[in-house]
Amino acid sequence: TVASTGESSYMEGVVASGSRVVRLSPLNAG
């Protein structure tokens, strides 16, 4: 879940949360 972290008073822009490294794990362990 990602969300912007703020909004300017004049609706000029918003700052999103930082970039992501998403790690997906292979389903082949036991």
ModelCIF file with pLDDT and N, C-alpha, C, O atoms, coordinates in Angstrom:
data_MODEL
#
_entry.id   MODEL 
#
_entity.id                         1 
_entity.type                       polymer 
_entity.pdbx_number_of_molecules   1 
#
_entity_poly.entity_id                      1 
_entity_poly.type                           'polypeptide(L)' 
_entity_poly.nstd_linkage                   no 
_entity_poly.nstd_monomer                   no 
_entity_poly.pdbx_seq_one_letter_code       TVASTGESSYMEGVVASGSRVVRLSPLNAG 
_entity_poly.pdbx_seq_one_letter_code_can   TVASTGESSYMEGVVASGSRVVRLSPLNAG 
_entity_poly.pdbx_strand_id                 A 
#
loop_
_entity_poly_seq.entity_id 
_entity_poly_seq.num 
_entity_poly_seq.mon_id 
_entity_poly_seq.hetero 
1 1  THR n 
1 2  VAL n 
1 3  ALA n 
1 4  SER n 
1 5  THR n 
1 6  GLY n 
1 7  GLU n 
1 8  SER n 
1 9  SER n 
1 10 TYR n 
1 11 MET n 
1 12 GLU n 
1 13 GLY n 
1 14 VAL n 
1 15 VAL n 
1 16 ALA n 
1 17 SER n 
1 18 GLY n 
1 19 SER n 
1 20 ARG n 
1 21 VAL n 
1 22 VAL n 
1 23 ARG n 
1 24 LEU n 
1 25 SER n 
1 26 PRO n 
1 27 LEU n 
1 28 ASN n 
1 29 ALA n 
1 30 GLY n 
#
_struct_asym.id          A 
_struct_asym.entity_id   1 
#
loop_
_ma_qa_metric.id 
_ma_qa_metric.mode 
_ma_qa_metric.name 
_ma_qa_metric.software_group_id 
_ma_qa_metric.type 
1 global pLDDT . pLDDT 
2 local  pLDDT . pLDDT 
#
_ma_qa_metric_global.metric_id      1 
_ma_qa_metric_global.metric_value   64.77 
_ma_qa_metric_global.model_id       1 
_ma_qa_metric_global.ordinal_id     1 
#
loop_
_ma_qa_metric_local.label_asym_id 
_ma_qa_metric_local.label_comp_id 
_ma_qa_metric_local.label_seq_id 
_ma_qa_metric_local.metric_id 
_ma_qa_metric_local.metric_value 
_ma_qa_metric_local.model_id 
_ma_qa_metric_local.ordinal_id 
A THR 1  2 81.00 1 1  
A VAL 2  2 78.00 1 2  
A ALA 3  2 73.00 1 3  
A SER 4  2 67.00 1 4  
A THR 5  2 56.00 1 5  
A GLY 6  2 49.00 1 6  
A GLU 7  2 45.00 1 7  
A SER 8  2 38.00 1 8  
A SER 9  2 35.00 1 9  
A TYR 10 2 36.00 1 10 
A MET 11 2 35.00 1 11 
A GLU 12 2 40.00 1 12 
A GLY 13 2 39.00 1 13 
A VAL 14 2 41.00 1 14 
A VAL 15 2 44.00 1 15 
A ALA 16 2 44.00 1 16 
A SER 17 2 45.00 1 17 
A GLY 18 2 49.00 1 18 
A SER 19 2 64.00 1 19 
A ARG 20 2 79.00 1 20 
A VAL 21 2 89.00 1 21 
A VAL 22 2 90.00 1 22 
A ARG 23 2 89.00 1 23 
A LEU 24 2 90.00 1 24 
A SER 25 2 89.00 1 25 
A PRO 26 2 92.00 1 26 
A LEU 27 2 90.00 1 27 
A ASN 28 2 91.00 1 28 
A ALA 29 2 92.00 1 29 
A GLY 30 2 93.00 1 30 
#
loop_
_atom_site.group_PDB 
_atom_site.id 
_atom_site.type_symbol 
_atom_site.label_atom_id 
_atom_site.label_alt_id 
_atom_site.label_comp_id 
_atom_site.label_asym_id 
_atom_site.label_entity_id 
_atom_site.label_seq_id 
_atom_site.pdbx_PDB_ins_code 
_atom_site.Cartn_x 
_atom_site.Cartn_y 
_atom_site.Cartn_z 
_atom_site.occupancy 
_atom_site.B_iso_or_equiv 
_atom_site.pdbx_formal_charge 
_atom_site.auth_seq_id 
_atom_site.auth_comp_id 
_atom_site.auth_asym_id 
_atom_site.auth_atom_id 
_atom_site.pdbx_PDB_model_num 
ATOM 1   N N  . THR A 1 1  ? 0.852  -1.188  0.000  1.00 81.00 ? 1  THR A N  1 
ATOM 2   C CA . THR A 1 1  ? 0.000  0.000   0.000  1.00 81.00 ? 1  THR A CA 1 
ATOM 3   C C  . THR A 1 1  ? 0.888  1.239   0.000  1.00 81.00 ? 1  THR A C  1 
ATOM 4   O O  . THR A 1 1  ? 1.756  1.395   0.859  1.00 81.00 ? 1  THR A O  1 
ATOM 5   N N  . VAL A 1 2  ? 0.662  2.109   -0.968 1.00 78.00 ? 2  VAL A N  1 
ATOM 6   C CA . VAL A 1 2  ? 1.472  3.316   -1.132 1.00 78.00 ? 2  VAL A CA 1 
ATOM 7   C C  . VAL A 1 2  ? 0.536  4.519   -1.120 1.00 78.00 ? 2  VAL A C  1 
ATOM 8   O O  . VAL A 1 2  ? -0.562 4.476   -1.676 1.00 78.00 ? 2  VAL A O  1 
ATOM 9   N N  . ALA A 1 3  ? 0.992  5.600   -0.471 1.00 73.00 ? 3  ALA A N  1 
ATOM 10  C CA . ALA A 1 3  ? 0.174  6.812   -0.427 1.00 73.00 ? 3  ALA A CA 1 
ATOM 11  C C  . ALA A 1 3  ? 1.053  8.029   -0.544 1.00 73.00 ? 3  ALA A C  1 
ATOM 12  O O  . ALA A 1 3  ? 2.222  7.994   -0.160 1.00 73.00 ? 3  ALA A O  1 
ATOM 13  N N  . SER A 1 4  ? 0.494  9.127   -1.081 1.00 67.00 ? 4  SER A N  1 
ATOM 14  C CA . SER A 1 4  ? 1.209  10.386  -1.070 1.00 67.00 ? 4  SER A CA 1 
ATOM 15  C C  . SER A 1 4  ? 1.332  10.846  0.371  1.00 67.00 ? 4  SER A C  1 
ATOM 16  O O  . SER A 1 4  ? 0.476  10.541  1.202  1.00 67.00 ? 4  SER A O  1 
ATOM 17  N N  . THR A 1 5  ? 2.386  11.571  0.665  1.00 56.00 ? 5  THR A N  1 
ATOM 18  C CA . THR A 1 5  ? 2.658  11.945  2.065  1.00 56.00 ? 5  THR A CA 1 
ATOM 19  C C  . THR A 1 5  ? 2.287  13.369  2.399  1.00 56.00 ? 5  THR A C  1 
ATOM 20  O O  . THR A 1 5  ? 2.362  13.765  3.562  1.00 56.00 ? 5  THR A O  1 
ATOM 21  N N  . GLY A 1 6  ? 1.884  14.157  1.407  1.00 49.00 ? 6  GLY A N  1 
ATOM 22  C CA . GLY A 1 6  ? 1.526  15.529  1.717  1.00 49.00 ? 6  GLY A CA 1 
ATOM 23  C C  . GLY A 1 6  ? 0.868  16.204  0.539  1.00 49.00 ? 6  GLY A C  1 
ATOM 24  O O  . GLY A 1 6  ? 0.806  15.636  -0.551 1.00 49.00 ? 6  GLY A O  1 
ATOM 25  N N  . GLU A 1 7  ? 0.384  17.394  0.742  1.00 45.00 ? 7  GLU A N  1 
ATOM 26  C CA . GLU A 1 7  ? -0.277 18.135  -0.319 1.00 45.00 ? 7  GLU A CA 1 
ATOM 27  C C  . GLU A 1 7  ? 0.005  19.625  -0.100 1.00 45.00 ? 7  GLU A C  1 
ATOM 28  O O  . GLU A 1 7  ? -0.078 20.115  1.026  1.00 45.00 ? 7  GLU A O  1 
ATOM 29  N N  . SER A 1 8  ? 0.336  20.341  -1.174 1.00 38.00 ? 8  SER A N  1 
ATOM 30  C CA . SER A 1 8  ? 0.623  21.770  -1.036 1.00 38.00 ? 8  SER A CA 1 
ATOM 31  C C  . SER A 1 8  ? -0.653 22.532  -0.724 1.00 38.00 ? 8  SER A C  1 
ATOM 32  O O  . SER A 1 8  ? -1.755 22.069  -1.016 1.00 38.00 ? 8  SER A O  1 
ATOM 33  N N  . SER A 1 9  ? -0.495 23.678  -0.141 1.00 35.00 ? 9  SER A N  1 
ATOM 34  C CA . SER A 1 9  ? -1.672 24.471  0.219  1.00 35.00 ? 9  SER A CA 1 
ATOM 35  C C  . SER A 1 9  ? -2.412 24.967  -1.000 1.00 35.00 ? 9  SER A C  1 
ATOM 36  O O  . SER A 1 9  ? -3.604 25.265  -0.924 1.00 35.00 ? 9  SER A O  1 
ATOM 37  N N  . TYR A 1 10 ? -1.703 25.062  -2.159 1.00 36.00 ? 10 TYR A N  1 
ATOM 38  C CA . TYR A 1 10 ? -2.345 25.545  -3.377 1.00 36.00 ? 10 TYR A CA 1 
ATOM 39  C C  . TYR A 1 10 ? -2.629 24.399  -4.358 1.00 36.00 ? 10 TYR A C  1 
ATOM 40  O O  . TYR A 1 10 ? -2.864 24.640  -5.542 1.00 36.00 ? 10 TYR A O  1 
ATOM 41  N N  . MET A 1 11 ? -2.608 23.125  -3.854 1.00 35.00 ? 11 MET A N  1 
ATOM 42  C CA . MET A 1 11 ? -2.870 21.955  -4.691 1.00 35.00 ? 11 MET A CA 1 
ATOM 43  C C  . MET A 1 11 ? -1.926 21.910  -5.891 1.00 35.00 ? 11 MET A C  1 
ATOM 44  O O  . MET A 1 11 ? -2.284 21.433  -6.967 1.00 35.00 ? 11 MET A O  1 
ATOM 45  N N  . GLU A 1 12 ? -0.688 22.427  -5.674 1.00 40.00 ? 12 GLU A N  1 
ATOM 46  C CA . GLU A 1 12 ? 0.246  22.447  -6.785 1.00 40.00 ? 12 GLU A CA 1 
ATOM 47  C C  . GLU A 1 12 ? 0.934  21.094  -6.959 1.00 40.00 ? 12 GLU A C  1 
ATOM 48  O O  . GLU A 1 12 ? 1.467  20.817  -8.033 1.00 40.00 ? 12 GLU A O  1 
ATOM 49  N N  . GLY A 1 13 ? 0.935  20.286  -5.975 1.00 39.00 ? 13 GLY A N  1 
ATOM 50  C CA . GLY A 1 13 ? 1.620  19.002  -6.116 1.00 39.00 ? 13 GLY A CA 1 
ATOM 51  C C  . GLY A 1 13 ? 1.634  18.240  -4.811 1.00 39.00 ? 13 GLY A C  1 
ATOM 52  O O  . GLY A 1 13 ? 1.372  18.814  -3.754 1.00 39.00 ? 13 GLY A O  1 
ATOM 53  N N  . VAL A 1 14 ? 1.934  16.969  -4.869 1.00 41.00 ? 14 VAL A N  1 
ATOM 54  C CA . VAL A 1 14 ? 1.990  16.129  -3.688 1.00 41.00 ? 14 VAL A CA 1 
ATOM 55  C C  . VAL A 1 14 ? 3.274  15.329  -3.719 1.00 41.00 ? 14 VAL A C  1 
ATOM 56  O O  . VAL A 1 14 ? 3.871  15.128  -4.777 1.00 41.00 ? 14 VAL A O  1 
ATOM 57  N N  . VAL A 1 15 ? 3.686  14.883  -2.569 1.00 44.00 ? 15 VAL A N  1 
ATOM 58  C CA . VAL A 1 15 ? 4.909  14.091  -2.464 1.00 44.00 ? 15 VAL A CA 1 
ATOM 59  C C  . VAL A 1 15 ? 4.525  12.664  -2.133 1.00 44.00 ? 15 VAL A C  1 
ATOM 60  O O  . VAL A 1 15 ? 3.898  12.415  -1.103 1.00 44.00 ? 15 VAL A O  1 
ATOM 61  N N  . ALA A 1 16 ? 4.889  11.733  -2.982 1.00 44.00 ? 16 ALA A N  1 
ATOM 62  C CA . ALA A 1 16 ? 4.563  10.327  -2.741 1.00 44.00 ? 16 ALA A CA 1 
ATOM 63  C C  . ALA A 1 16 ? 5.587  9.698   -1.819 1.00 44.00 ? 16 ALA A C  1 
ATOM 64  O O  . ALA A 1 16 ? 6.656  10.269  -1.604 1.00 44.00 ? 16 ALA A O  1 
ATOM 65  N N  . SER A 1 17 ? 5.282  8.531   -1.271 1.00 45.00 ? 17 SER A N  1 
ATOM 66  C CA . SER A 1 17 ? 6.244  7.813   -0.458 1.00 45.00 ? 17 SER A CA 1 
ATOM 67  C C  . SER A 1 17 ? 7.397  7.344   -1.336 1.00 45.00 ? 17 SER A C  1 
ATOM 68  O O  . SER A 1 17 ? 7.294  7.379   -2.562 1.00 45.00 ? 17 SER A O  1 
ATOM 69  N N  . GLY A 1 18 ? 8.484  6.908   -0.726 1.00 49.00 ? 18 GLY A N  1 
ATOM 70  C CA . GLY A 1 18 ? 9.707  6.603   -1.462 1.00 49.00 ? 18 GLY A CA 1 
ATOM 71  C C  . GLY A 1 18 ? 9.580  5.451   -2.424 1.00 49.00 ? 18 GLY A C  1 
ATOM 72  O O  . GLY A 1 18 ? 8.576  4.740   -2.424 1.00 49.00 ? 18 GLY A O  1 
ATOM 73  N N  . SER A 1 19 ? 10.571 5.266   -3.227 1.00 64.00 ? 19 SER A N  1 
ATOM 74  C CA . SER A 1 19 ? 10.573 4.186   -4.213 1.00 64.00 ? 19 SER A CA 1 
ATOM 75  C C  . SER A 1 19 ? 10.654 2.837   -3.520 1.00 64.00 ? 19 SER A C  1 
ATOM 76  O O  . SER A 1 19 ? 11.026 2.751   -2.349 1.00 64.00 ? 19 SER A O  1 
ATOM 77  N N  . ARG A 1 20 ? 10.303 1.782   -4.251 1.00 79.00 ? 20 ARG A N  1 
ATOM 78  C CA . ARG A 1 20 ? 10.190 0.469   -3.644 1.00 79.00 ? 20 ARG A CA 1 
ATOM 79  C C  . ARG A 1 20 ? 11.092 -0.561  -4.320 1.00 79.00 ? 20 ARG A C  1 
ATOM 80  O O  . ARG A 1 20 ? 11.249 -0.573  -5.541 1.00 79.00 ? 20 ARG A O  1 
ATOM 81  N N  . VAL A 1 21 ? 11.675 -1.419  -3.497 1.00 89.00 ? 21 VAL A N  1 
ATOM 82  C CA . VAL A 1 21 ? 12.280 -2.659  -3.976 1.00 89.00 ? 21 VAL A CA 1 
ATOM 83  C C  . VAL A 1 21 ? 11.361 -3.770  -3.488 1.00 89.00 ? 21 VAL A C  1 
ATOM 84  O O  . VAL A 1 21 ? 11.269 -4.029  -2.288 1.00 89.00 ? 21 VAL A O  1 
ATOM 85  N N  . VAL A 1 22 ? 10.701 -4.406  -4.398 1.00 90.00 ? 22 VAL A N  1 
ATOM 86  C CA . VAL A 1 22 ? 9.724  -5.442  -4.050 1.00 90.00 ? 22 VAL A CA 1 
ATOM 87  C C  . VAL A 1 22 ? 10.371 -6.800  -4.282 1.00 90.00 ? 22 VAL A C  1 
ATOM 88  O O  . VAL A 1 22 ? 10.750 -7.127  -5.407 1.00 90.00 ? 22 VAL A O  1 
ATOM 89  N N  . ARG A 1 23 ? 10.497 -7.587  -3.225 1.00 89.00 ? 23 ARG A N  1 
ATOM 90  C CA . ARG A 1 23 ? 11.111 -8.907  -3.319 1.00 89.00 ? 23 ARG A CA 1 
ATOM 91  C C  . ARG A 1 23 ? 10.027 -9.980  -3.350 1.00 89.00 ? 23 ARG A C  1 
ATOM 92  O O  . ARG A 1 23 ? 9.241  -10.105 -2.412 1.00 89.00 ? 23 ARG A O  1 
ATOM 93  N N  . LEU A 1 24 ? 9.992  -10.749 -4.428 1.00 90.00 ? 24 LEU A N  1 
ATOM 94  C CA . LEU A 1 24 ? 9.064  -11.873 -4.538 1.00 90.00 ? 24 LEU A CA 1 
ATOM 95  C C  . LEU A 1 24 ? 9.842  -13.168 -4.392 1.00 90.00 ? 24 LEU A C  1 
ATOM 96  O O  . LEU A 1 24 ? 10.871 -13.363 -5.039 1.00 90.00 ? 24 LEU A O  1 
ATOM 97  N N  . SER A 1 25 ? 9.346  -14.046 -3.540 1.00 89.00 ? 25 SER A N  1 
ATOM 98  C CA . SER A 1 25 ? 10.066 -15.279 -3.239 1.00 89.00 ? 25 SER A CA 1 
ATOM 99  C C  . SER A 1 25 ? 9.491  -16.444 -4.029 1.00 89.00 ? 25 SER A C  1 
ATOM 100 O O  . SER A 1 25 ? 8.273  -16.619 -4.067 1.00 89.00 ? 25 SER A O  1 
ATOM 101 N N  . PRO A 1 26 ? 10.350 -17.248 -4.663 1.00 92.00 ? 26 PRO A N  1 
ATOM 102 C CA . PRO A 1 26 ? 9.863  -18.422 -5.399 1.00 92.00 ? 26 PRO A CA 1 
ATOM 103 C C  . PRO A 1 26 ? 9.256  -19.446 -4.458 1.00 92.00 ? 26 PRO A C  1 
ATOM 104 O O  . PRO A 1 26 ? 9.773  -19.674 -3.364 1.00 92.00 ? 26 PRO A O  1 
ATOM 105 N N  . LEU A 1 27 ? 8.142  -20.073 -4.885 1.00 90.00 ? 27 LEU A N  1 
ATOM 106 C CA . LEU A 1 27 ? 7.464  -21.076 -4.062 1.00 90.00 ? 27 LEU A CA 1 
ATOM 107 C C  . LEU A 1 27 ? 8.029  -22.468 -4.370 1.00 90.00 ? 27 LEU A C  1 
ATOM 108 O O  . LEU A 1 27 ? 7.327  -23.330 -4.897 1.00 90.00 ? 27 LEU A O  1 
ATOM 109 N N  . ASN A 1 28 ? 9.297  -22.670 -4.034 1.00 91.00 ? 28 ASN A N  1 
ATOM 110 C CA . ASN A 1 28 ? 9.920  -23.975 -4.289 1.00 91.00 ? 28 ASN A CA 1 
ATOM 111 C C  . ASN A 1 28 ? 10.780 -24.439 -3.123 1.00 91.00 ? 28 ASN A C  1 
ATOM 112 O O  . ASN A 1 28 ? 11.657 -25.286 -3.291 1.00 91.00 ? 28 ASN A O  1 
ATOM 113 N N  . ALA A 1 29 ? 10.527 -23.879 -1.932 1.00 92.00 ? 29 ALA A N  1 
ATOM 114 C CA . ALA A 1 29 ? 11.248 -24.316 -0.740 1.00 92.00 ? 29 ALA A CA 1 
ATOM 115 C C  . ALA A 1 29 ? 10.353 -25.261 0.073  1.00 92.00 ? 29 ALA A C  1 
ATOM 116 O O  . ALA A 1 29 ? 9.167  -25.406 -0.224 1.00 92.00 ? 29 ALA A O  1 
ATOM 117 N N  . GLY A 1 30 ? 10.915 -25.889 1.076  1.00 93.00 ? 30 GLY A N  1 
ATOM 118 C CA . GLY A 1 30 ? 10.134 -26.819 1.899  1.00 93.00 ? 30 GLY A CA 1 
ATOM 119 C C  . GLY A 1 30 ? 10.785 -27.048 3.241  1.00 93.00 ? 30 GLY A C  1 
ATOM 120 O O  . GLY A 1 30 ? 10.262 -27.804 4.060  1.00 93.00 ? 30 GLY A O  1 
#
